[in-house]
Amino acid sequence: MNTPQQPATAGSPDPDDEPVLPAQSREDTDAGWGEAAEPDDDERLYRDRPPHWDSL
């Protein structure tokens, strides 16, 4: 009795390979719509921390 051949296993992916599909396309960004990128808000968010965060 002949058994069908099992497909070869793919193994672990190479970490240097780029993903097949990007996580986000250029059209999904502000730049893709012709708008300027928004500034990084980290500094503003750090300044706007609630006062009770500093009491620890």
PDB file of N, CA and C in Angstrom:
ATOM      1  N   MET A   1       0.850  -1.179   0.000  1.00  0.00           N
ATOM      2  CA  MET A   1       0.000   0.000   0.000  1.00  0.00           C
ATOM      3  C   MET A   1       0.892   1.237   0.000  1.00  0.00           C
ATOM      4  N   ASN A   2       0.624   2.153  -0.900  1.00  0.00           N
ATOM      5  CA  ASN A   2       1.402   3.380  -0.995  1.00  0.00           C
ATOM      6  C   ASN A   2       0.767   4.471  -0.139  1.00  0.00           C
ATOM      7  N   THR A   3       1.599   5.136   0.641  1.00  0.00           N
ATOM      8  CA  THR A   3       1.098   6.256   1.440  1.00  0.00           C
ATOM      9  C   THR A   3       1.476   7.550   0.737  1.00  0.00           C
ATOM     10  N   PRO A   4       0.609   8.553   0.761  1.00  0.00           N
ATOM     11  CA  PRO A   4       0.934   9.814   0.085  1.00  0.00           C
ATOM     12  C   PRO A   4       2.105  10.508   0.776  1.00  0.00           C
ATOM     13  N   GLN A   5       2.886  11.204  -0.020  1.00  0.00           N
ATOM     14  CA  GLN A   5       4.027  11.932   0.522  1.00  0.00           C
ATOM     15  C   GLN A   5       3.535  13.094   1.384  1.00  0.00           C
ATOM     16  N   GLN A   6       4.170  13.255   2.522  1.00  0.00           N
ATOM     17  CA  GLN A   6       3.855  14.378   3.399  1.00  0.00           C
ATOM     18  C   GLN A   6       4.596  15.609   2.885  1.00  0.00           C
ATOM     19  N   PRO A   7       3.972  16.797   2.938  1.00  0.00           N
ATOM     20  CA  PRO A   7       4.678  18.003   2.504  1.00  0.00           C
ATOM     21  C   PRO A   7       5.851  18.292   3.428  1.00  0.00           C
ATOM     22  N   ALA A   8       6.885  18.865   2.864  1.00  0.00           N
ATOM     23  CA  ALA A   8       8.061  19.217   3.660  1.00  0.00           C
ATOM     24  C   ALA A   8       7.682  20.315   4.646  1.00  0.00           C
ATOM     25  N   THR A   9       8.244  20.238   5.835  1.00  0.00           N
ATOM     26  CA  THR A   9       7.956  21.274   6.824  1.00  0.00           C
ATOM     27  C   THR A   9       8.743  22.523   6.480  1.00  0.00           C
ATOM     28  N   ALA A  10       8.183  23.658   6.782  1.00  0.00           N
ATOM     29  CA  ALA A  10       8.797  24.930   6.423  1.00  0.00           C
ATOM     30  C   ALA A  10       9.963  25.269   7.339  1.00  0.00           C
ATOM     31  N   GLY A  11       9.974  24.763   8.544  1.00  0.00           N
ATOM     32  CA  GLY A  11      11.039  25.103   9.482  1.00  0.00           C
ATOM     33  C   GLY A  11      10.810  26.487  10.064  1.00  0.00           C
ATOM     34  N   SER A  12      11.788  26.951  10.790  1.00  0.00           N
ATOM     35  CA  SER A  12      11.626  28.263  11.410  1.00  0.00           C
ATOM     36  C   SER A  12      11.933  29.356  10.383  1.00  0.00           C
ATOM     37  N   PRO A  13      11.193  30.472  10.458  1.00  0.00           N
ATOM     38  CA  PRO A  13      11.427  31.547   9.493  1.00  0.00           C
ATOM     39  C   PRO A  13      12.756  32.244   9.758  1.00  0.00           C
ATOM     40  N   ASP A  14      13.350  32.767   8.718  1.00  0.00           N
ATOM     41  CA  ASP A  14      14.605  33.497   8.822  1.00  0.00           C
ATOM     42  C   ASP A  14      14.298  34.895   9.365  1.00  0.00           C
ATOM     43  N   PRO A  15      14.898  35.302  10.492  1.00  0.00           N
ATOM     44  CA  PRO A  15      14.585  36.618  11.063  1.00  0.00           C
ATOM     45  C   PRO A  15      15.014  37.776  10.175  1.00  0.00           C
ATOM     46  N   ASP A  16      15.915  37.536   9.207  1.00  0.00           N
ATOM     47  CA  ASP A  16      16.352  38.601   8.315  1.00  0.00           C
ATOM     48  C   ASP A  16      15.390  38.830   7.157  1.00  0.00           C
ATOM     49  N   ASP A  17      14.456  37.889   6.947  1.00  0.00           N
ATOM     50  CA  ASP A  17      13.499  38.042   5.854  1.00  0.00           C
ATOM     51  C   ASP A  17      12.489  39.128   6.187  1.00  0.00           C
ATOM     52  N   GLU A  18      12.128  39.908   5.173  1.00  0.00           N
ATOM     53  CA  GLU A  18      11.105  40.935   5.336  1.00  0.00           C
ATOM     54  C   GLU A  18       9.750  40.244   5.337  1.00  0.00           C
ATOM     55  N   PRO A  19       8.748  40.803   6.035  1.00  0.00           N
ATOM     56  CA  PRO A  19       7.421  40.189   6.007  1.00  0.00           C
ATOM     57  C   PRO A  19       6.834  40.273   4.595  1.00  0.00           C
ATOM     58  N   VAL A  20       5.990  39.316   4.275  1.00  0.00           N
ATOM     59  CA  VAL A  20       5.378  39.293   2.959  1.00  0.00           C
ATOM     60  C   VAL A  20       4.494  40.519   2.770  1.00  0.00           C
ATOM     61  N   LEU A  21       3.698  40.810   3.764  1.00  0.00           N
ATOM     62  CA  LEU A  21       2.836  41.990   3.732  1.00  0.00           C
ATOM     63  C   LEU A  21       3.305  42.973   4.799  1.00  0.00           C
ATOM     64  N   PRO A  22       3.424  44.240   4.468  1.00  0.00           N
ATOM     65  CA  PRO A  22       3.841  45.206   5.487  1.00  0.00           C
ATOM     66  C   PRO A  22       2.740  45.385   6.529  1.00  0.00           C
ATOM     67  N   ALA A  23       3.124  45.818   7.714  1.00  0.00           N
ATOM     68  CA  ALA A  23       2.157  46.032   8.787  1.00  0.00           C
ATOM     69  C   ALA A  23       1.213  47.177   8.443  1.00  0.00           C
ATOM     70  N   GLN A  24       1.713  48.178   7.716  1.00  0.00           N
ATOM     71  CA  GLN A  24       0.893  49.321   7.343  1.00  0.00           C
ATOM     72  C   GLN A  24       1.377  49.836   5.989  1.00  0.00           C
ATOM     73  N   SER A  25       0.453  50.085   5.122  1.00  0.00           N
ATOM     74  CA  SER A  25       0.843  50.596   3.810  1.00  0.00           C
ATOM     75  C   SER A  25       1.037  52.101   3.878  1.00  0.00           C
ATOM     76  N   ARG A  26       1.740  52.650   2.898  1.00  0.00           N
ATOM     77  CA  ARG A  26       1.969  54.095   2.865  1.00  0.00           C
ATOM     78  C   ARG A  26       0.643  54.848   2.765  1.00  0.00           C
ATOM     79  N   GLU A  27      -0.344  54.282   2.089  1.00  0.00           N
ATOM     80  CA  GLU A  27      -1.628  54.945   1.935  1.00  0.00           C
ATOM     81  C   GLU A  27      -2.381  55.041   3.259  1.00  0.00           C
ATOM     82  N   ASP A  28      -2.008  54.221   4.235  1.00  0.00           N
ATOM     83  CA  ASP A  28      -2.662  54.256   5.547  1.00  0.00           C
ATOM     84  C   ASP A  28      -2.046  55.290   6.485  1.00  0.00           C
ATOM     85  N   THR A  29      -1.049  56.010   6.012  1.00  0.00           N
ATOM     86  CA  THR A  29      -0.386  56.998   6.859  1.00  0.00           C
ATOM     87  C   THR A  29      -0.801  58.404   6.449  1.00  0.00           C
ATOM     88  N   ASP A  30      -0.526  59.380   7.317  1.00  0.00           N
ATOM     89  CA  ASP A  30      -0.813  60.775   6.985  1.00  0.00           C
ATOM     90  C   ASP A  30      -0.018  61.222   5.776  1.00  0.00           C
ATOM     91  N   ALA A  31       1.237  60.772   5.674  1.00  0.00           N
ATOM     92  CA  ALA A  31       2.079  61.155   4.545  1.00  0.00           C
ATOM     93  C   ALA A  31       1.488  60.643   3.230  1.00  0.00           C
ATOM     94  N   GLY A  32       0.859  59.496   3.258  1.00  0.00           N
ATOM     95  CA  GLY A  32       0.241  58.958   2.059  1.00  0.00           C
ATOM     96  C   GLY A  32      -0.925  59.796   1.576  1.00  0.00           C
ATOM     97  N   TRP A  33      -1.547  60.537   2.472  1.00  0.00           N
ATOM     98  CA  TRP A  33      -2.661  61.415   2.126  1.00  0.00           C
ATOM     99  C   TRP A  33      -2.186  62.848   1.891  1.00  0.00           C
ATOM    100  N   GLY A  34      -0.872  63.063   1.889  1.00  0.00           N
ATOM    101  CA  GLY A  34      -0.334  64.382   1.615  1.00  0.00           C
ATOM    102  C   GLY A  34      -0.299  65.297   2.829  1.00  0.00           C
ATOM    103  N   GLU A  35      -0.480  64.754   4.004  1.00  0.00           N
ATOM    104  CA  GLU A  35      -0.453  65.555   5.218  1.00  0.00           C
ATOM    105  C   GLU A  35       0.886  65.387   5.916  1.00  0.00           C
ATOM    106  N   ALA A  36       1.255  66.396   6.685  1.00  0.00           N
ATOM    107  CA  ALA A  36       2.500  66.322   7.455  1.00  0.00           C
ATOM    108  C   ALA A  36       2.322  65.339   8.611  1.00  0.00           C
ATOM    109  N   ALA A  37       3.405  64.676   8.963  1.00  0.00           N
ATOM    110  CA  ALA A  37       3.360  63.752  10.099  1.00  0.00           C
ATOM    111  C   ALA A  37       3.146  64.538  11.384  1.00  0.00           C
ATOM    112  N   GLU A  38       2.423  63.946  12.316  1.00  0.00           N
ATOM    113  CA  GLU A  38       2.174  64.625  13.587  1.00  0.00           C
ATOM    114  C   GLU A  38       3.436  64.594  14.437  1.00  0.00           C
ATOM    115  N   PRO A  39       3.659  65.656  15.215  1.00  0.00           N
ATOM    116  CA  PRO A  39       4.856  65.681  16.066  1.00  0.00           C
ATOM    117  C   PRO A  39       4.751  64.654  17.188  1.00  0.00           C
ATOM    118  N   ASP A  40       5.889  64.284  17.695  1.00  0.00           N
ATOM    119  CA  ASP A  40       5.949  63.335  18.797  1.00  0.00           C
ATOM    120  C   ASP A  40       5.422  64.020  20.060  1.00  0.00           C
ATOM    121  N   ASP A  41       4.444  63.425  20.715  1.00  0.00           N
ATOM    122  CA  ASP A  41       3.800  64.039  21.877  1.00  0.00           C
ATOM    123  C   ASP A  41       4.402  63.596  23.210  1.00  0.00           C
ATOM    124  N   ASP A  42       5.512  62.866  23.206  1.00  0.00           N
ATOM    125  CA  ASP A  42       6.051  62.356  24.461  1.00  0.00           C
ATOM    126  C   ASP A  42       6.364  63.463  25.458  1.00  0.00           C
ATOM    127  N   GLU A  43       6.977  64.531  24.995  1.00  0.00           N
ATOM    128  CA  GLU A  43       7.335  65.618  25.903  1.00  0.00           C
ATOM    129  C   GLU A  43       6.086  66.277  26.487  1.00  0.00           C
ATOM    130  N   ARG A  44       5.093  66.535  25.646  1.00  0.00           N
ATOM    131  CA  ARG A  44       3.850  67.143  26.138  1.00  0.00           C
ATOM    132  C   ARG A  44       3.152  66.215  27.127  1.00  0.00           C
ATOM    133  N   LEU A  45       3.118  64.936  26.825  1.00  0.00           N
ATOM    134  CA  LEU A  45       2.460  63.997  27.728  1.00  0.00           C
ATOM    135  C   LEU A  45       3.193  63.900  29.065  1.00  0.00           C
ATOM    136  N   TYR A  46       4.514  63.997  29.036  1.00  0.00           N
ATOM    137  CA  TYR A  46       5.276  63.957  30.280  1.00  0.00           C
ATOM    138  C   TYR A  46       4.972  65.197  31.127  1.00  0.00           C
ATOM    139  N   ARG A  47       4.865  66.364  30.490  1.00  0.00           N
ATOM    140  CA  ARG A  47       4.542  67.598  31.224  1.00  0.00           C
ATOM    141  C   ARG A  47       3.130  67.560  31.773  1.00  0.00           C
ATOM    142  N   ASP A  48       2.207  66.910  31.088  1.00  0.00           N
ATOM    143  CA  ASP A  48       0.792  66.900  31.478  1.00  0.00           C
ATOM    144  C   ASP A  48       0.436  65.744  32.402  1.00  0.00           C
ATOM    145  N   ARG A  49       1.426  65.163  33.050  1.00  0.00           N
ATOM    146  CA  ARG A  49       1.145  64.056  33.972  1.00  0.00           C
ATOM    147  C   ARG A  49       0.310  64.539  35.144  1.00  0.00           C
ATOM    148  N   PRO A  50      -0.606  63.734  35.632  1.00  0.00           N
ATOM    149  CA  PRO A  50      -1.394  64.128  36.805  1.00  0.00           C
ATOM    150  C   PRO A  50      -0.483  64.295  38.024  1.00  0.00           C
ATOM    151  N   PRO A  51      -0.818  65.247  38.913  1.00  0.00           N
ATOM    152  CA  PRO A  51       0.026  65.508  40.086  1.00  0.00           C
ATOM    153  C   PRO A  51       0.206  64.295  40.992  1.00  0.00           C
ATOM    154  N   HIS A  52      -0.801  63.449  41.099  1.00  0.00           N
ATOM    155  CA  HIS A  52      -0.694  62.321  42.017  1.00  0.00           C
ATOM    156  C   HIS A  52       0.326  61.283  41.543  1.00  0.00           C
ATOM    157  N   TRP A  53       0.766  61.325  40.298  1.00  0.00           N
ATOM    158  CA  TRP A  53       1.783  60.392  39.818  1.00  0.00           C
ATOM    159  C   TRP A  53       3.138  60.665  40.462  1.00  0.00           C
ATOM    160  N   ASP A  54       3.384  61.922  40.850  1.00  0.00           N
ATOM    161  CA  ASP A  54       4.668  62.285  41.444  1.00  0.00           C
ATOM    162  C   ASP A  54       4.743  61.995  42.932  1.00  0.00           C
ATOM    163  N   SER A  55       3.656  61.573  43.544  1.00  0.00           N
ATOM    164  CA  SER A  55       3.642  61.370  44.994  1.00  0.00           C
ATOM    165  C   SER A  55       4.189  59.994  45.405  1.00  0.00           C
ATOM    166  N   LEU A  56       4.538  59.159  44.467  1.00  0.00           N
ATOM    167  CA  LEU A  56       5.034  57.817  44.820  1.00  0.00           C
ATOM    168  C   LEU A  56       6.461  57.825  45.192  1.00  0.00           C
TER     169      LEU A  56
END
